[in-house]
Amino acid sequence: MSTQRMAVMQERLARRLMAAFPLAMAPLPFAFQPMREMVQYHRTRTSDEGLRWLMARLREAAYRS
C-alpha cells in the first residue's frame, strides 16, 4: 500500500508509531522550528484539583525527558 500523505511530528512519537505500523521517516526538506507542546484550559479551572494534579504529572514527565 502507498500514500502521498505526510505528517510532521516529534521524532520520539514517530519512532514509537513506526514500531507499530508500516511507516517511514525522513528528514524535512526545509527548516522547521522546534514544536512547542501546550495545555489549554479555561481560567475558571485553575483551582481544579484534578487539573492541578495532571499539570504536575506533565511537568514531571517533561523534566525527565
PDB file of N, CA and C in Angstrom:
ATOM      1  N   MET A   1       0.851  -1.171   0.000  1.00  0.00           N
ATOM      2  CA  MET A   1       0.000   0.000   0.000  1.00  0.00           C
ATOM      3  C   MET A   1       0.895   1.231   0.000  1.00  0.00           C
ATOM      4  N   SER A   2       0.469   2.271  -0.661  1.00  0.00           N
ATOM      5  CA  SER A   2       1.233   3.506  -0.765  1.00  0.00           C
ATOM      6  C   SER A   2       0.299   4.704  -0.566  1.00  0.00           C
ATOM      7  N   THR A   3       0.875   5.800  -0.128  1.00  0.00           N
ATOM      8  CA  THR A   3       0.082   7.015   0.064  1.00  0.00           C
ATOM      9  C   THR A   3       0.942   8.230  -0.231  1.00  0.00           C
ATOM     10  N   GLN A   4       0.323   9.327  -0.540  1.00  0.00           N
ATOM     11  CA  GLN A   4       1.023  10.590  -0.753  1.00  0.00           C
ATOM     12  C   GLN A   4       0.945  11.463   0.501  1.00  0.00           C
ATOM     13  N   ARG A   5       0.471  10.906   1.592  1.00  0.00           N
ATOM     14  CA  ARG A   5       0.267  11.693   2.810  1.00  0.00           C
ATOM     15  C   ARG A   5       1.536  11.788   3.631  1.00  0.00           C
ATOM     16  N   MET A   6       1.610  12.875   4.391  1.00  0.00           N
ATOM     17  CA  MET A   6       2.763  13.132   5.225  1.00  0.00           C
ATOM     18  C   MET A   6       2.286  13.738   6.541  1.00  0.00           C
ATOM     19  N   ALA A   7       3.015  13.477   7.600  1.00  0.00           N
ATOM     20  CA  ALA A   7       2.719  14.078   8.897  1.00  0.00           C
ATOM     21  C   ALA A   7       4.018  14.621   9.480  1.00  0.00           C
ATOM     22  N   VAL A   8       3.929  15.728  10.178  1.00  0.00           N
ATOM     23  CA  VAL A   8       5.075  16.290  10.884  1.00  0.00           C
ATOM     24  C   VAL A   8       4.794  16.103  12.367  1.00  0.00           C
ATOM     25  N   MET A   9       5.714  15.432  13.053  1.00  0.00           N
ATOM     26  CA  MET A   9       5.515  15.157  14.482  1.00  0.00           C
ATOM     27  C   MET A   9       6.867  15.025  15.174  1.00  0.00           C
ATOM     28  N   GLN A  10       6.832  14.927  16.476  1.00  0.00           N
ATOM     29  CA  GLN A  10       8.047  14.751  17.255  1.00  0.00           C
ATOM     30  C   GLN A  10       8.687  13.409  16.879  1.00  0.00           C
ATOM     31  N   GLU A  11      10.018  13.409  16.831  1.00  0.00           N
ATOM     32  CA  GLU A  11      10.740  12.200  16.428  1.00  0.00           C
ATOM     33  C   GLU A  11      10.453  11.028  17.353  1.00  0.00           C
ATOM     34  N   ARG A  12      10.381  11.282  18.642  1.00  0.00           N
ATOM     35  CA  ARG A  12      10.142  10.188  19.590  1.00  0.00           C
ATOM     36  C   ARG A  12       8.792   9.528  19.339  1.00  0.00           C
ATOM     37  N   LEU A  13       7.773  10.318  19.063  1.00  0.00           N
ATOM     38  CA  LEU A  13       6.458   9.768  18.746  1.00  0.00           C
ATOM     39  C   LEU A  13       6.506   9.000  17.430  1.00  0.00           C
ATOM     40  N   ALA A  14       7.184   9.554  16.437  1.00  0.00           N
ATOM     41  CA  ALA A  14       7.293   8.884  15.137  1.00  0.00           C
ATOM     42  C   ALA A  14       7.943   7.516  15.286  1.00  0.00           C
ATOM     43  N   ARG A  15       8.992   7.434  16.070  1.00  0.00           N
ATOM     44  CA  ARG A  15       9.670   6.134  16.257  1.00  0.00           C
ATOM     45  C   ARG A  15       8.756   5.116  16.938  1.00  0.00           C
ATOM     46  N   ARG A  16       7.970   5.551  17.885  1.00  0.00           N
ATOM     47  CA  ARG A  16       7.019   4.634  18.536  1.00  0.00           C
ATOM     48  C   ARG A  16       5.971   4.137  17.548  1.00  0.00           C
ATOM     49  N   LEU A  17       5.460   5.044  16.727  1.00  0.00           N
ATOM     50  CA  LEU A  17       4.453   4.654  15.743  1.00  0.00           C
ATOM     51  C   LEU A  17       5.035   3.727  14.686  1.00  0.00           C
ATOM     52  N   MET A  18       6.308   3.936  14.320  1.00  0.00           N
ATOM     53  CA  MET A  18       6.953   3.075  13.340  1.00  0.00           C
ATOM     54  C   MET A  18       7.086   1.644  13.845  1.00  0.00           C
ATOM     55  N   ALA A  19       7.166   1.484  15.167  1.00  0.00           N
ATOM     56  CA  ALA A  19       7.261   0.142  15.740  1.00  0.00           C
ATOM     57  C   ALA A  19       5.935  -0.607  15.620  1.00  0.00           C
ATOM     58  N   ALA A  20       4.853   0.129  15.502  1.00  0.00           N
ATOM     59  CA  ALA A  20       3.531  -0.499  15.474  1.00  0.00           C
ATOM     60  C   ALA A  20       2.889  -0.519  14.085  1.00  0.00           C
ATOM     61  N   PHE A  21       3.337   0.366  13.199  1.00  0.00           N
ATOM     62  CA  PHE A  21       2.704   0.497  11.887  1.00  0.00           C
ATOM     63  C   PHE A  21       3.765   0.541  10.790  1.00  0.00           C
ATOM     64  N   PRO A  22       3.394   0.189   9.572  1.00  0.00           N
ATOM     65  CA  PRO A  22       4.356   0.230   8.467  1.00  0.00           C
ATOM     66  C   PRO A  22       4.563   1.661   7.964  1.00  0.00           C
ATOM     67  N   LEU A  23       5.340   2.442   8.709  1.00  0.00           N
ATOM     68  CA  LEU A  23       5.580   3.844   8.382  1.00  0.00           C
ATOM     69  C   LEU A  23       7.046   4.061   8.027  1.00  0.00           C
ATOM     70  N   ALA A  24       7.315   5.132   7.352  1.00  0.00           N
ATOM     71  CA  ALA A  24       8.683   5.536   7.036  1.00  0.00           C
ATOM     72  C   ALA A  24       8.917   6.924   7.601  1.00  0.00           C
ATOM     73  N   MET A  25      10.186   7.217   7.920  1.00  0.00           N
ATOM     74  CA  MET A  25      10.526   8.515   8.468  1.00  0.00           C
ATOM     75  C   MET A  25      11.642   9.114   7.611  1.00  0.00           C
ATOM     76  N   ALA A  26      11.536  10.403   7.360  1.00  0.00           N
ATOM     77  CA  ALA A  26      12.546  11.102   6.574  1.00  0.00           C
ATOM     78  C   ALA A  26      12.689  12.519   7.105  1.00  0.00           C
ATOM     79  N   PRO A  27      13.883  13.101   6.953  1.00  0.00           N
ATOM     80  CA  PRO A  27      14.044  14.488   7.402  1.00  0.00           C
ATOM     81  C   PRO A  27      13.237  15.435   6.529  1.00  0.00           C
ATOM     82  N   LEU A  28      12.820  16.537   7.114  1.00  0.00           N
ATOM     83  CA  LEU A  28      12.091  17.542   6.343  1.00  0.00           C
ATOM     84  C   LEU A  28      13.040  18.219   5.356  1.00  0.00           C
ATOM     85  N   PRO A  29      12.564  18.537   4.181  1.00  0.00           N
ATOM     86  CA  PRO A  29      13.421  19.192   3.190  1.00  0.00           C
ATOM     87  C   PRO A  29      13.491  20.712   3.373  1.00  0.00           C
ATOM     88  N   PHE A  30      13.089  21.192   4.545  1.00  0.00           N
ATOM     89  CA  PHE A  30      13.111  22.629   4.825  1.00  0.00           C
ATOM     90  C   PHE A  30      13.298  22.819   6.329  1.00  0.00           C
ATOM     91  N   ALA A  31      13.717  24.011   6.723  1.00  0.00           N
ATOM     92  CA  ALA A  31      13.917  24.313   8.146  1.00  0.00           C
ATOM     93  C   ALA A  31      12.567  24.341   8.856  1.00  0.00           C
ATOM     94  N   PHE A  32      12.558  23.856  10.075  1.00  0.00           N
ATOM     95  CA  PHE A  32      11.322  23.798  10.851  1.00  0.00           C
ATOM     96  C   PHE A  32      11.644  24.128  12.296  1.00  0.00           C
ATOM     97  N   GLN A  33      10.929  25.085  12.867  1.00  0.00           N
ATOM     98  CA  GLN A  33      11.147  25.476  14.262  1.00  0.00           C
ATOM     99  C   GLN A  33      10.762  24.328  15.195  1.00  0.00           C
ATOM    100  N   PRO A  34      11.439  24.206  16.335  1.00  0.00           N
ATOM    101  CA  PRO A  34      11.055  23.171  17.306  1.00  0.00           C
ATOM    102  C   PRO A  34       9.583  23.314  17.692  1.00  0.00           C
ATOM    103  N   MET A  35       8.914  22.181  17.881  1.00  0.00           N
ATOM    104  CA  MET A  35       7.497  22.186  18.252  1.00  0.00           C
ATOM    105  C   MET A  35       7.358  22.489  19.738  1.00  0.00           C
ATOM    106  N   ARG A  36       6.337  23.253  20.062  1.00  0.00           N
ATOM    107  CA  ARG A  36       6.001  23.516  21.461  1.00  0.00           C
ATOM    108  C   ARG A  36       4.735  22.759  21.787  1.00  0.00           C
ATOM    109  N   GLU A  37       4.748  22.099  22.921  1.00  0.00           N
ATOM    110  CA  GLU A  37       3.545  21.415  23.376  1.00  0.00           C
ATOM    111  C   GLU A  37       2.922  22.261  24.477  1.00  0.00           C
ATOM    112  N   MET A  38       1.603  22.400  24.415  1.00  0.00           N
ATOM    113  CA  MET A  38       0.911  23.248  25.378  1.00  0.00           C
ATOM    114  C   MET A  38      -0.356  22.566  25.880  1.00  0.00           C
ATOM    115  N   VAL A  39      -0.780  22.979  27.037  1.00  0.00           N
ATOM    116  CA  VAL A  39      -2.055  22.550  27.596  1.00  0.00           C
ATOM    117  C   VAL A  39      -2.930  23.796  27.646  1.00  0.00           C
ATOM    118  N   GLN A  40      -4.143  23.664  27.212  1.00  0.00           N
ATOM    119  CA  GLN A  40      -5.049  24.804  27.198  1.00  0.00           C
ATOM    120  C   GLN A  40      -6.295  24.451  28.014  1.00  0.00           C
ATOM    121  N   TYR A  41      -6.683  25.357  28.875  1.00  0.00           N
ATOM    122  CA  TYR A  41      -7.891  25.161  29.668  1.00  0.00           C
ATOM    123  C   TYR A  41      -8.457  26.526  30.040  1.00  0.00           C
ATOM    124  N   HIS A  42      -9.704  26.549  30.411  1.00  0.00           N
ATOM    125  CA  HIS A  42     -10.371  27.800  30.760  1.00  0.00           C
ATOM    126  C   HIS A  42      -9.884  28.274  32.125  1.00  0.00           C
ATOM    127  N   ARG A  43      -9.735  29.573  32.273  1.00  0.00           N
ATOM    128  CA  ARG A  43      -9.207  30.126  33.530  1.00  0.00           C
ATOM    129  C   ARG A  43     -10.059  29.775  34.744  1.00  0.00           C
ATOM    130  N   THR A  44     -11.329  29.450  34.562  1.00  0.00           N
ATOM    131  CA  THR A  44     -12.159  29.062  35.707  1.00  0.00           C
ATOM    132  C   THR A  44     -11.737  27.704  36.271  1.00  0.00           C
ATOM    133  N   ARG A  45     -10.882  26.976  35.554  1.00  0.00           N
ATOM    134  CA  ARG A  45     -10.442  25.656  36.016  1.00  0.00           C
ATOM    135  C   ARG A  45      -9.112  25.695  36.762  1.00  0.00           C
ATOM    136  N   THR A  46      -8.525  26.874  36.965  1.00  0.00           N
ATOM    137  CA  THR A  46      -7.195  26.942  37.578  1.00  0.00           C
ATOM    138  C   THR A  46      -7.153  26.389  38.996  1.00  0.00           C
ATOM    139  N   SER A  47      -8.257  26.378  39.698  1.00  0.00           N
ATOM    140  CA  SER A  47      -8.253  25.821  41.063  1.00  0.00           C
ATOM    141  C   SER A  47      -8.771  24.386  41.099  1.00  0.00           C
ATOM    142  N   ASP A  48      -9.013  23.796  39.953  1.00  0.00           N
ATOM    143  CA  ASP A  48      -9.480  22.406  39.860  1.00  0.00           C
ATOM    144  C   ASP A  48      -8.354  21.468  40.293  1.00  0.00           C
ATOM    145  N   GLU A  49      -8.564  20.720  41.375  1.00  0.00           N
ATOM    146  CA  GLU A  49      -7.517  19.851  41.923  1.00  0.00           C
ATOM    147  C   GLU A  49      -7.087  18.767  40.939  1.00  0.00           C
ATOM    148  N   GLY A  50      -8.023  18.227  40.184  1.00  0.00           N
ATOM    149  CA  GLY A  50      -7.675  17.206  39.195  1.00  0.00           C
ATOM    150  C   GLY A  50      -6.781  17.776  38.108  1.00  0.00           C
ATOM    151  N   LEU A  51      -7.077  18.965  37.659  1.00  0.00           N
ATOM    152  CA  LEU A  51      -6.261  19.615  36.635  1.00  0.00           C
ATOM    153  C   LEU A  51      -4.884  19.965  37.194  1.00  0.00           C
ATOM    154  N   ARG A  52      -4.843  20.420  38.414  1.00  0.00           N
ATOM    155  CA  ARG A  52      -3.548  20.741  39.040  1.00  0.00           C
ATOM    156  C   ARG A  52      -2.694  19.488  39.175  1.00  0.00           C
ATOM    157  N   TRP A  53      -3.308  18.372  39.543  1.00  0.00           N
ATOM    158  CA  TRP A  53      -2.581  17.102  39.637  1.00  0.00           C
ATOM    159  C   TRP A  53      -2.027  16.711  38.264  1.00  0.00           C
ATOM    160  N   LEU A  54      -2.874  16.785  37.236  1.00  0.00           N
ATOM    161  CA  LEU A  54      -2.449  16.431  35.886  1.00  0.00           C
ATOM    162  C   LEU A  54      -1.301  17.324  35.424  1.00  0.00           C
ATOM    163  N   MET A  55      -1.395  18.615  35.648  1.00  0.00           N
ATOM    164  CA  MET A  55      -0.332  19.536  35.244  1.00  0.00           C
ATOM    165  C   MET A  55       0.986  19.209  35.945  1.00  0.00           C
ATOM    166  N   ALA A  56       0.919  18.843  37.211  1.00  0.00           N
ATOM    167  CA  ALA A  56       2.130  18.469  37.947  1.00  0.00           C
ATOM    168  C   ALA A  56       2.756  17.213  37.350  1.00  0.00           C
ATOM    169  N   ARG A  57       1.943  16.220  36.992  1.00  0.00           N
ATOM    170  CA  ARG A  57       2.474  14.988  36.371  1.00  0.00           C
ATOM    171  C   ARG A  57       3.095  15.290  35.008  1.00  0.00           C
ATOM    172  N   LEU A  58       2.463  16.163  34.235  1.00  0.00           N
ATOM    173  CA  LEU A  58       3.006  16.527  32.925  1.00  0.00           C
ATOM    174  C   LEU A  58       4.343  17.253  33.067  1.00  0.00           C
ATOM    175  N   ARG A  59       4.437  18.147  34.061  1.00  0.00           N
ATOM    176  CA  ARG A  59       5.711  18.840  34.297  1.00  0.00           C
ATOM    177  C   ARG A  59       6.806  17.849  34.679  1.00  0.00           C
ATOM    178  N   GLU A  60       6.481  16.907  35.560  1.00  0.00           N
ATOM    179  CA  GLU A  60       7.465  15.889  35.962  1.00  0.00           C
ATOM    180  C   GLU A  60       7.944  15.106  34.750  1.00  0.00           C
ATOM    181  N   ALA A  61       7.032  14.689  33.907  1.00  0.00           N
ATOM    182  CA  ALA A  61       7.398  13.913  32.714  1.00  0.00           C
ATOM    183  C   ALA A  61       8.237  14.751  31.757  1.00  0.00           C
ATOM    184  N   ALA A  62       7.914  16.017  31.609  1.00  0.00           N
ATOM    185  CA  ALA A  62       8.656  16.887  30.696  1.00  0.00           C
ATOM    186  C   ALA A  62      10.088  17.094  31.198  1.00  0.00           C
ATOM    187  N   TYR A  63      10.272  17.245  32.485  1.00  0.00           N
ATOM    188  CA  TYR A  63      11.611  17.475  33.015  1.00  0.00           C
ATOM    189  C   TYR A  63      12.458  16.206  33.009  1.00  0.00           C
ATOM    190  N   ARG A  64      11.812  15.030  33.013  1.00  0.00           N
ATOM    191  CA  ARG A  64      12.553  13.762  32.942  1.00  0.00           C
ATOM    192  C   ARG A  64      13.119  13.528  31.557  1.00  0.00           C
ATOM    193  N   SER A  65      12.426  14.017  30.520  1.00  0.00           N
ATOM    194  CA  SER A  65      12.881  13.695  29.161  1.00  0.00           C
ATOM    195  C   SER A  65      13.889  14.668  28.633  1.00  0.00           C
TER     196      SER A  65
END
